[in-house]
PDB file of N, CA and C in Angstrom:
ATOM      1  N   UNK A   1       0.803  -1.184   0.000  1.00  0.00           N
ATOM      2  CA  UNK A   1       0.000   0.000   0.000  1.00  0.00           C
ATOM      3  C   UNK A   1       0.854   1.259   0.000  1.00  0.00           C
ATOM      4  N   UNK A   2       1.896   1.291   0.833  1.00  0.00           N
ATOM      5  CA  UNK A   2       2.736   2.482   0.900  1.00  0.00           C
ATOM      6  C   UNK A   2       3.433   2.705  -0.433  1.00  0.00           C
ATOM      7  N   UNK A   3       3.967   1.644  -1.021  1.00  0.00           N
ATOM      8  CA  UNK A   3       4.653   1.780  -2.303  1.00  0.00           C
ATOM      9  C   UNK A   3       3.686   2.268  -3.383  1.00  0.00           C
ATOM     10  N   UNK A   4       2.485   1.776  -3.352  1.00  0.00           N
ATOM     11  CA  UNK A   4       1.493   2.142  -4.357  1.00  0.00           C
ATOM     12  C   UNK A   4       1.000   3.583  -4.188  1.00  0.00           C
ATOM     13  N   UNK A   5       0.774   4.013  -2.944  1.00  0.00           N
ATOM     14  CA  UNK A   5       0.161   5.317  -2.687  1.00  0.00           C
ATOM     15  C   UNK A   5       1.141   6.397  -2.245  1.00  0.00           C
ATOM     16  N   UNK A   6       2.328   6.010  -1.799  1.00  0.00           N
ATOM     17  CA  UNK A   6       3.307   6.993  -1.350  1.00  0.00           C
ATOM     18  C   UNK A   6       3.261   7.209   0.153  1.00  0.00           C
ATOM     19  N   UNK A   7       4.372   7.713   0.679  1.00  0.00           N
ATOM     20  CA  UNK A   7       4.524   7.883   2.122  1.00  0.00           C
ATOM     21  C   UNK A   7       3.594   8.958   2.684  1.00  0.00           C
ATOM     22  N   UNK A   8       3.369  10.035   1.957  1.00  0.00           N
ATOM     23  CA  UNK A   8       2.489  11.091   2.471  1.00  0.00           C
ATOM     24  C   UNK A   8       1.056  10.599   2.638  1.00  0.00           C
ATOM     25  N   UNK A   9       0.578   9.832   1.676  1.00  0.00           N
ATOM     26  CA  UNK A   9      -0.765   9.251   1.799  1.00  0.00           C
ATOM     27  C   UNK A   9      -0.790   8.279   2.971  1.00  0.00           C
ATOM     28  N   UNK A  10       0.265   7.486   3.112  1.00  0.00           N
ATOM     29  CA  UNK A  10       0.345   6.523   4.215  1.00  0.00           C
ATOM     30  C   UNK A  10       0.273   7.234   5.563  1.00  0.00           C
ATOM     31  N   UNK A  11       0.930   8.381   5.678  1.00  0.00           N
ATOM     32  CA  UNK A  11       0.877   9.131   6.930  1.00  0.00           C
ATOM     33  C   UNK A  11      -0.530   9.672   7.183  1.00  0.00           C
ATOM     34  N   UNK A  12      -1.172  10.188   6.161  1.00  0.00           N
ATOM     35  CA  UNK A  12      -2.537  10.703   6.326  1.00  0.00           C
ATOM     36  C   UNK A  12      -3.509   9.590   6.696  1.00  0.00           C
ATOM     37  N   UNK A  13      -3.293   8.409   6.158  1.00  0.00           N
ATOM     38  CA  UNK A  13      -4.175   7.277   6.437  1.00  0.00           C
ATOM     39  C   UNK A  13      -3.810   6.586   7.753  1.00  0.00           C
ATOM     40  N   UNK A  14      -2.781   7.083   8.414  1.00  0.00           N
ATOM     41  CA  UNK A  14      -2.290   6.545   9.680  1.00  0.00           C
ATOM     42  C   UNK A  14      -1.774   5.120   9.554  1.00  0.00           C
ATOM     43  N   UNK A  15      -1.184   4.808   8.395  1.00  0.00           N
ATOM     44  CA  UNK A  15      -0.509   3.521   8.227  1.00  0.00           C
ATOM     45  C   UNK A  15       0.892   3.595   8.811  1.00  0.00           C
ATOM     46  N   UNK A  16       1.433   4.803   8.902  1.00  0.00           N
ATOM     47  CA  UNK A  16       2.768   5.005   9.460  1.00  0.00           C
ATOM     48  C   UNK A  16       2.719   6.139  10.477  1.00  0.00           C
ATOM     49  N   UNK A  17       3.638   6.082  11.443  1.00  0.00           N
ATOM     50  CA  UNK A  17       3.760   7.189  12.387  1.00  0.00           C
ATOM     51  C   UNK A  17       5.173   7.219  12.948  1.00  0.00           C
ATOM     52  N   UNK A  18       5.574   8.398  13.371  1.00  0.00           N
ATOM     53  CA  UNK A  18       6.888   8.593  13.978  1.00  0.00           C
ATOM     54  C   UNK A  18       6.794   8.169  15.438  1.00  0.00           C
ATOM     55  N   UNK A  19       7.711   7.288  15.877  1.00  0.00           N
ATOM     56  CA  UNK A  19       7.682   6.833  17.267  1.00  0.00           C
ATOM     57  C   UNK A  19       8.886   7.314  18.059  1.00  0.00           C
ATOM     58  N   UNK A  20       9.895   7.850  17.366  1.00  0.00           N
ATOM     59  CA  UNK A  20      11.094   8.384  18.001  1.00  0.00           C
ATOM     60  C   UNK A  20      11.713   9.372  17.021  1.00  0.00           C
ATOM     61  N   UNK A  21      12.804  10.012  17.409  1.00  0.00           N
ATOM     62  CA  UNK A  21      13.431  11.018  16.542  1.00  0.00           C
ATOM     63  C   UNK A  21      13.664  10.529  15.121  1.00  0.00           C
ATOM     64  N   UNK A  22      14.129   9.304  14.985  1.00  0.00           N
ATOM     65  CA  UNK A  22      14.487   8.794  13.658  1.00  0.00           C
ATOM     66  C   UNK A  22      13.944   7.392  13.383  1.00  0.00           C
ATOM     67  N   UNK A  23      12.970   6.969  14.154  1.00  0.00           N
ATOM     68  CA  UNK A  23      12.359   5.645  13.991  1.00  0.00           C
ATOM     69  C   UNK A  23      10.861   5.828  13.730  1.00  0.00           C
ATOM     70  N   UNK A  24      10.376   5.081  12.745  1.00  0.00           N
ATOM     71  CA  UNK A  24       8.973   5.152  12.358  1.00  0.00           C
ATOM     72  C   UNK A  24       8.347   3.771  12.450  1.00  0.00           C
ATOM     73  N   UNK A  25       7.028   3.746  12.552  1.00  0.00           N
ATOM     74  CA  UNK A  25       6.281   2.500  12.670  1.00  0.00           C
ATOM     75  C   UNK A  25       5.306   2.403  11.504  1.00  0.00           C
ATOM     76  N   UNK A  26       5.273   1.244  10.871  1.00  0.00           N
ATOM     77  CA  UNK A  26       4.278   0.977   9.833  1.00  0.00           C
ATOM     78  C   UNK A  26       3.366  -0.115  10.364  1.00  0.00           C
ATOM     79  N   UNK A  27       2.072   0.036  10.118  1.00  0.00           N
ATOM     80  CA  UNK A  27       1.127  -0.901  10.723  1.00  0.00           C
ATOM     81  C   UNK A  27       0.406  -1.744   9.687  1.00  0.00           C
ATOM     82  N   UNK A  28       0.018  -2.913  10.148  1.00  0.00           N
ATOM     83  CA  UNK A  28      -0.753  -3.833   9.328  1.00  0.00           C
ATOM     84  C   UNK A  28      -1.765  -4.504  10.243  1.00  0.00           C
ATOM     85  N   UNK A  29      -2.996  -4.580   9.779  1.00  0.00           N
ATOM     86  CA  UNK A  29      -4.017  -5.246  10.585  1.00  0.00           C
ATOM     87  C   UNK A  29      -4.775  -6.213   9.694  1.00  0.00           C
ATOM     88  N   UNK A  30      -4.773  -7.473  10.106  1.00  0.00           N
ATOM     89  CA  UNK A  30      -5.538  -8.503   9.421  1.00  0.00           C
ATOM     90  C   UNK A  30      -6.409  -9.158  10.482  1.00  0.00           C
ATOM     91  N   UNK A  31      -7.695  -9.012  10.329  1.00  0.00           N
ATOM     92  CA  UNK A  31      -8.645  -9.512  11.321  1.00  0.00           C
ATOM     93  C   UNK A  31      -8.347  -8.829  12.656  1.00  0.00           C
ATOM     94  N   UNK A  32      -8.094  -9.596  13.705  1.00  0.00           N
ATOM     95  CA  UNK A  32      -7.770  -8.987  14.998  1.00  0.00           C
ATOM     96  C   UNK A  32      -6.267  -8.964  15.254  1.00  0.00           C
ATOM     97  N   UNK A  33      -5.465  -9.424  14.300  1.00  0.00           N
ATOM     98  CA  UNK A  33      -4.010  -9.396  14.419  1.00  0.00           C
ATOM     99  C   UNK A  33      -3.481  -8.022  14.046  1.00  0.00           C
ATOM    100  N   UNK A  34      -2.780  -7.391  14.961  1.00  0.00           N
ATOM    101  CA  UNK A  34      -2.181  -6.086  14.697  1.00  0.00           C
ATOM    102  C   UNK A  34      -0.669  -6.267  14.659  1.00  0.00           C
ATOM    103  N   UNK A  35      -0.108  -6.151  13.471  1.00  0.00           N
ATOM    104  CA  UNK A  35       1.333  -6.292  13.281  1.00  0.00           C
ATOM    105  C   UNK A  35       1.942  -4.918  13.059  1.00  0.00           C
ATOM    106  N   UNK A  36       3.161  -4.749  13.540  1.00  0.00           N
ATOM    107  CA  UNK A  36       3.897  -3.504  13.351  1.00  0.00           C
ATOM    108  C   UNK A  36       5.308  -3.831  12.896  1.00  0.00           C
ATOM    109  N   UNK A  37       5.880  -2.916  12.145  1.00  0.00           N
ATOM    110  CA  UNK A  37       7.289  -3.001  11.773  1.00  0.00           C
ATOM    111  C   UNK A  37       7.886  -1.624  12.008  1.00  0.00           C
ATOM    112  N   UNK A  38       9.106  -1.597  12.509  1.00  0.00           N
ATOM    113  CA  UNK A  38       9.799  -0.335  12.723  1.00  0.00           C
ATOM    114  C   UNK A  38      10.830  -0.158  11.622  1.00  0.00           C
ATOM    115  N   UNK A  39      11.031   1.088  11.217  1.00  0.00           N
ATOM    116  CA  UNK A  39      11.959   1.370  10.124  1.00  0.00           C
ATOM    117  C   UNK A  39      12.576   2.747  10.295  1.00  0.00           C
ATOM    118  N   UNK A  40      13.621   2.999   9.489  1.00  0.00           N
ATOM    119  CA  UNK A  40      14.254   4.314   9.479  1.00  0.00           C
ATOM    120  C   UNK A  40      14.577   4.705   8.045  1.00  0.00           C
ATOM    121  N   UNK A  41      14.765   5.994   7.842  1.00  0.00           N
ATOM    122  CA  UNK A  41      15.030   6.569   6.527  1.00  0.00           C
ATOM    123  C   UNK A  41      16.534   6.591   6.278  1.00  0.00           C
ATOM    124  N   UNK A  42      16.961   6.162   5.087  1.00  0.00           N
ATOM    125  CA  UNK A  42      18.383   6.145   4.749  1.00  0.00           C
ATOM    126  C   UNK A  42      18.707   7.235   3.733  1.00  0.00           C
ATOM    127  N   UNK A  43      18.059   7.191   2.577  1.00  0.00           N
ATOM    128  CA  UNK A  43      18.261   8.192   1.530  1.00  0.00           C
ATOM    129  C   UNK A  43      16.903   8.574   0.959  1.00  0.00           C
ATOM    130  N   UNK A  44      16.899   9.397  -0.071  1.00  0.00           N
ATOM    131  CA  UNK A  44      15.652   9.915  -0.646  1.00  0.00           C
ATOM    132  C   UNK A  44      14.541   8.877  -0.738  1.00  0.00           C
ATOM    133  N   UNK A  45      14.803   7.769  -1.384  1.00  0.00           N
ATOM    134  CA  UNK A  45      13.767   6.749  -1.605  1.00  0.00           C
ATOM    135  C   UNK A  45      14.082   5.424  -0.920  1.00  0.00           C
ATOM    136  N   UNK A  46      14.980   5.434   0.047  1.00  0.00           N
ATOM    137  CA  UNK A  46      15.407   4.182   0.679  1.00  0.00           C
ATOM    138  C   UNK A  46      15.095   4.195   2.175  1.00  0.00           C
ATOM    139  N   UNK A  47      14.433   3.135   2.598  1.00  0.00           N
ATOM    140  CA  UNK A  47      14.077   2.948   3.997  1.00  0.00           C
ATOM    141  C   UNK A  47      14.504   1.544   4.401  1.00  0.00           C
ATOM    142  N   UNK A  48      14.893   1.377   5.658  1.00  0.00           N
ATOM    143  CA  UNK A  48      15.288   0.064   6.171  1.00  0.00           C
ATOM    144  C   UNK A  48      14.309  -0.341   7.266  1.00  0.00           C
ATOM    145  N   UNK A  49      13.669  -1.489   7.076  1.00  0.00           N
ATOM    146  CA  UNK A  49      12.800  -2.047   8.117  1.00  0.00           C
ATOM    147  C   UNK A  49      13.687  -2.843   9.063  1.00  0.00           C
ATOM    148  N   UNK A  50      13.659  -2.493  10.337  1.00  0.00           N
ATOM    149  CA  UNK A  50      14.528  -3.164  11.303  1.00  0.00           C
ATOM    150  C   UNK A  50      13.949  -4.495  11.763  1.00  0.00           C
ATOM    151  N   UNK A  51      12.667  -4.506  12.090  1.00  0.00           N
ATOM    152  CA  UNK A  51      12.042  -5.739  12.569  1.00  0.00           C
ATOM    153  C   UNK A  51      10.537  -5.525  12.717  1.00  0.00           C
ATOM    154  N   UNK A  52       9.834  -6.624  12.885  1.00  0.00           N
ATOM    155  CA  UNK A  52       8.395  -6.571  13.080  1.00  0.00           C
ATOM    156  C   UNK A  52       8.015  -7.239  14.387  1.00  0.00           C
ATOM    157  N   UNK A  53       6.820  -6.924  14.860  1.00  0.00           N
ATOM    158  CA  UNK A  53       6.335  -7.513  16.110  1.00  0.00           C
ATOM    159  C   UNK A  53       4.818  -7.398  16.162  1.00  0.00           C
ATOM    160  N   UNK A  54       4.220  -8.153  17.055  1.00  0.00           N
ATOM    161  CA  UNK A  54       2.783  -8.072  17.282  1.00  0.00           C
ATOM    162  C   UNK A  54       2.538  -7.050  18.374  1.00  0.00           C
ATOM    163  N   UNK A  55       1.722  -6.071  18.058  1.00  0.00           N
ATOM    164  CA  UNK A  55       1.440  -5.003  19.016  1.00  0.00           C
ATOM    165  C   UNK A  55       0.227  -5.388  19.847  1.00  0.00           C
ATOM    166  N   UNK A  56       0.383  -5.327  21.168  1.00  0.00           N
ATOM    167  CA  UNK A  56      -0.687  -5.761  22.060  1.00  0.00           C
ATOM    168  C   UNK A  56      -1.331  -4.605  22.825  1.00  0.00           C
ATOM    169  N   UNK A  57      -0.712  -3.420  22.760  1.00  0.00           N
ATOM    170  CA  UNK A  57      -1.262  -2.247  23.441  1.00  0.00           C
ATOM    171  C   UNK A  57      -1.260  -1.072  22.471  1.00  0.00           C
ATOM    172  N   UNK A  58      -1.850   0.042  22.877  1.00  0.00           N
ATOM    173  CA  UNK A  58      -1.887   1.235  22.025  1.00  0.00           C
ATOM    174  C   UNK A  58      -0.503   1.840  21.834  1.00  0.00           C
ATOM    175  N   UNK A  59       0.318   1.784  22.865  1.00  0.00           N
ATOM    176  CA  UNK A  59       1.636   2.413  22.829  1.00  0.00           C
ATOM    177  C   UNK A  59       2.685   1.427  22.319  1.00  0.00           C
ATOM    178  N   UNK A  60       3.603   1.921  21.486  1.00  0.00           N
ATOM    179  CA  UNK A  60       4.690   1.079  20.993  1.00  0.00           C
ATOM    180  C   UNK A  60       5.644   0.788  22.151  1.00  0.00           C
ATOM    181  N   UNK A  61       5.927  -0.492  22.440  1.00  0.00           N
ATOM    182  CA  UNK A  61       6.811  -0.838  23.559  1.00  0.00           C
ATOM    183  C   UNK A  61       8.198  -0.213  23.397  1.00  0.00           C
ATOM    184  N   UNK A  62       8.704   0.376  24.471  1.00  0.00           N
ATOM    185  CA  UNK A  62       9.999   1.052  24.444  1.00  0.00           C
ATOM    186  C   UNK A  62      11.122   0.091  24.066  1.00  0.00           C
ATOM    187  N   UNK A  63      11.017  -1.182  24.481  1.00  0.00           N
ATOM    188  CA  UNK A  63      12.070  -2.142  24.136  1.00  0.00           C
ATOM    189  C   UNK A  63      12.123  -2.384  22.630  1.00  0.00           C
ATOM    190  N   UNK A  64      11.001  -2.288  21.942  1.00  0.00           N
ATOM    191  CA  UNK A  64      10.988  -2.442  20.481  1.00  0.00           C
ATOM    192  C   UNK A  64      11.664  -1.241  19.818  1.00  0.00           C
ATOM    193  N   UNK A  65      11.410  -0.049  20.347  1.00  0.00           N
ATOM    194  CA  UNK A  65      12.052   1.156  19.808  1.00  0.00           C
ATOM    195  C   UNK A  65      13.557   1.097  20.054  1.00  0.00           C
ATOM    196  N   UNK A  66      13.958   0.684  21.251  1.00  0.00           N
ATOM    197  CA  UNK A  66      15.390   0.559  21.559  1.00  0.00           C
ATOM    198  C   UNK A  66      16.059  -0.445  20.631  1.00  0.00           C
ATOM    199  N   UNK A  67      15.386  -1.562  20.376  1.00  0.00           N
ATOM    200  CA  UNK A  67      15.930  -2.587  19.479  1.00  0.00           C
ATOM    201  C   UNK A  67      16.124  -2.011  18.074  1.00  0.00           C
ATOM    202  N   UNK A  68      15.162  -1.248  17.596  1.00  0.00           N
ATOM    203  CA  UNK A  68      15.266  -0.621  16.273  1.00  0.00           C
ATOM    204  C   UNK A  68      16.438   0.354  16.229  1.00  0.00           C
ATOM    205  N   UNK A  69      16.655   1.107  17.310  1.00  0.00           N
ATOM    206  CA  UNK A  69      17.757   2.068  17.353  1.00  0.00           C
ATOM    207  C   UNK A  69      19.112   1.355  17.332  1.00  0.00           C
ATOM    208  N   UNK A  70      19.204   0.222  18.021  1.00  0.00           N
ATOM    209  CA  UNK A  70      20.443  -0.569  18.003  1.00  0.00           C
ATOM    210  C   UNK A  70      20.718  -1.068  16.585  1.00  0.00           C
ATOM    211  N   UNK A  71      19.695  -1.588  15.920  1.00  0.00           N
ATOM    212  CA  UNK A  71      19.862  -2.086  14.554  1.00  0.00           C
ATOM    213  C   UNK A  71      20.199  -0.955  13.588  1.00  0.00           C
ATOM    214  N   UNK A  72      19.629   0.219  13.792  1.00  0.00           N
ATOM    215  CA  UNK A  72      19.943   1.383  12.958  1.00  0.00           C
ATOM    216  C   UNK A  72      21.410   1.765  13.129  1.00  0.00           C
ATOM    217  N   UNK A  73      21.873   1.796  14.375  1.00  0.00           N
ATOM    218  CA  UNK A  73      23.272   2.137  14.652  1.00  0.00           C
ATOM    219  C   UNK A  73      24.212   1.124  13.994  1.00  0.00           C
ATOM    220  N   UNK A  74      23.897  -0.163  14.098  1.00  0.00           N
ATOM    221  CA  UNK A  74      24.706  -1.202  13.452  1.00  0.00           C
ATOM    222  C   UNK A  74      24.736  -1.003  11.940  1.00  0.00           C
ATOM    223  N   UNK A  75      23.598  -0.703  11.355  1.00  0.00           N
ATOM    224  CA  UNK A  75      23.522  -0.461   9.914  1.00  0.00           C
ATOM    225  C   UNK A  75      24.421   0.706   9.530  1.00  0.00           C
ATOM    226  N   UNK A  76      24.320   1.799  10.265  1.00  0.00           N
ATOM    227  CA  UNK A  76      25.120   2.988   9.959  1.00  0.00           C
ATOM    228  C   UNK A  76      26.608   2.711  10.105  1.00  0.00           C
ATOM    229  N   UNK A  77      26.996   1.976  11.146  1.00  0.00           N
ATOM    230  CA  UNK A  77      28.408   1.643  11.348  1.00  0.00           C
ATOM    231  C   UNK A  77      28.938   0.766  10.224  1.00  0.00           C
ATOM    232  N   UNK A  78      28.124  -0.147   9.731  1.00  0.00           N
ATOM    233  CA  UNK A  78      28.552  -1.071   8.678  1.00  0.00           C
ATOM    234  C   UNK A  78      28.468  -0.480   7.279  1.00  0.00           C
ATOM    235  N   UNK A  79      27.729   0.599   7.099  1.00  0.00           N
ATOM    236  CA  UNK A  79      27.534   1.152   5.762  1.00  0.00           C
ATOM    237  C   UNK A  79      28.105   2.547   5.567  1.00  0.00           C
ATOM    238  N   UNK A  80      28.591   3.166   6.622  1.00  0.00           N
ATOM    239  CA  UNK A  80      29.171   4.500   6.497  1.00  0.00           C
ATOM    240  C   UNK A  80      30.635   4.532   6.900  1.00  0.00           C
ATOM    241  N   UNK A  81      31.179   3.392   7.252  1.00  0.00           N
ATOM    242  CA  UNK A  81      32.544   3.355   7.760  1.00  0.00           C
ATOM    243  C   UNK A  81      33.494   2.974   6.731  1.00  0.00           C
TER     244      UNK A  81
END
């Protein structure tokens, strides 16, 4: 959906949201299953999805955000060094 409609439409439709300074969440809901994936922006048209998880509450768990930040840091160290 995001690729087809673009990131701005995805934000308006609340498919994506910012959860930290540089980490974003994309959502998927099938029936009563609520899946989330965290990602970060790399370049103009490039985004990296760090991982996905099942969301059980309204708020994104802090440990999931921390995990995404660790993976982002590893990516940056391995690709900018």
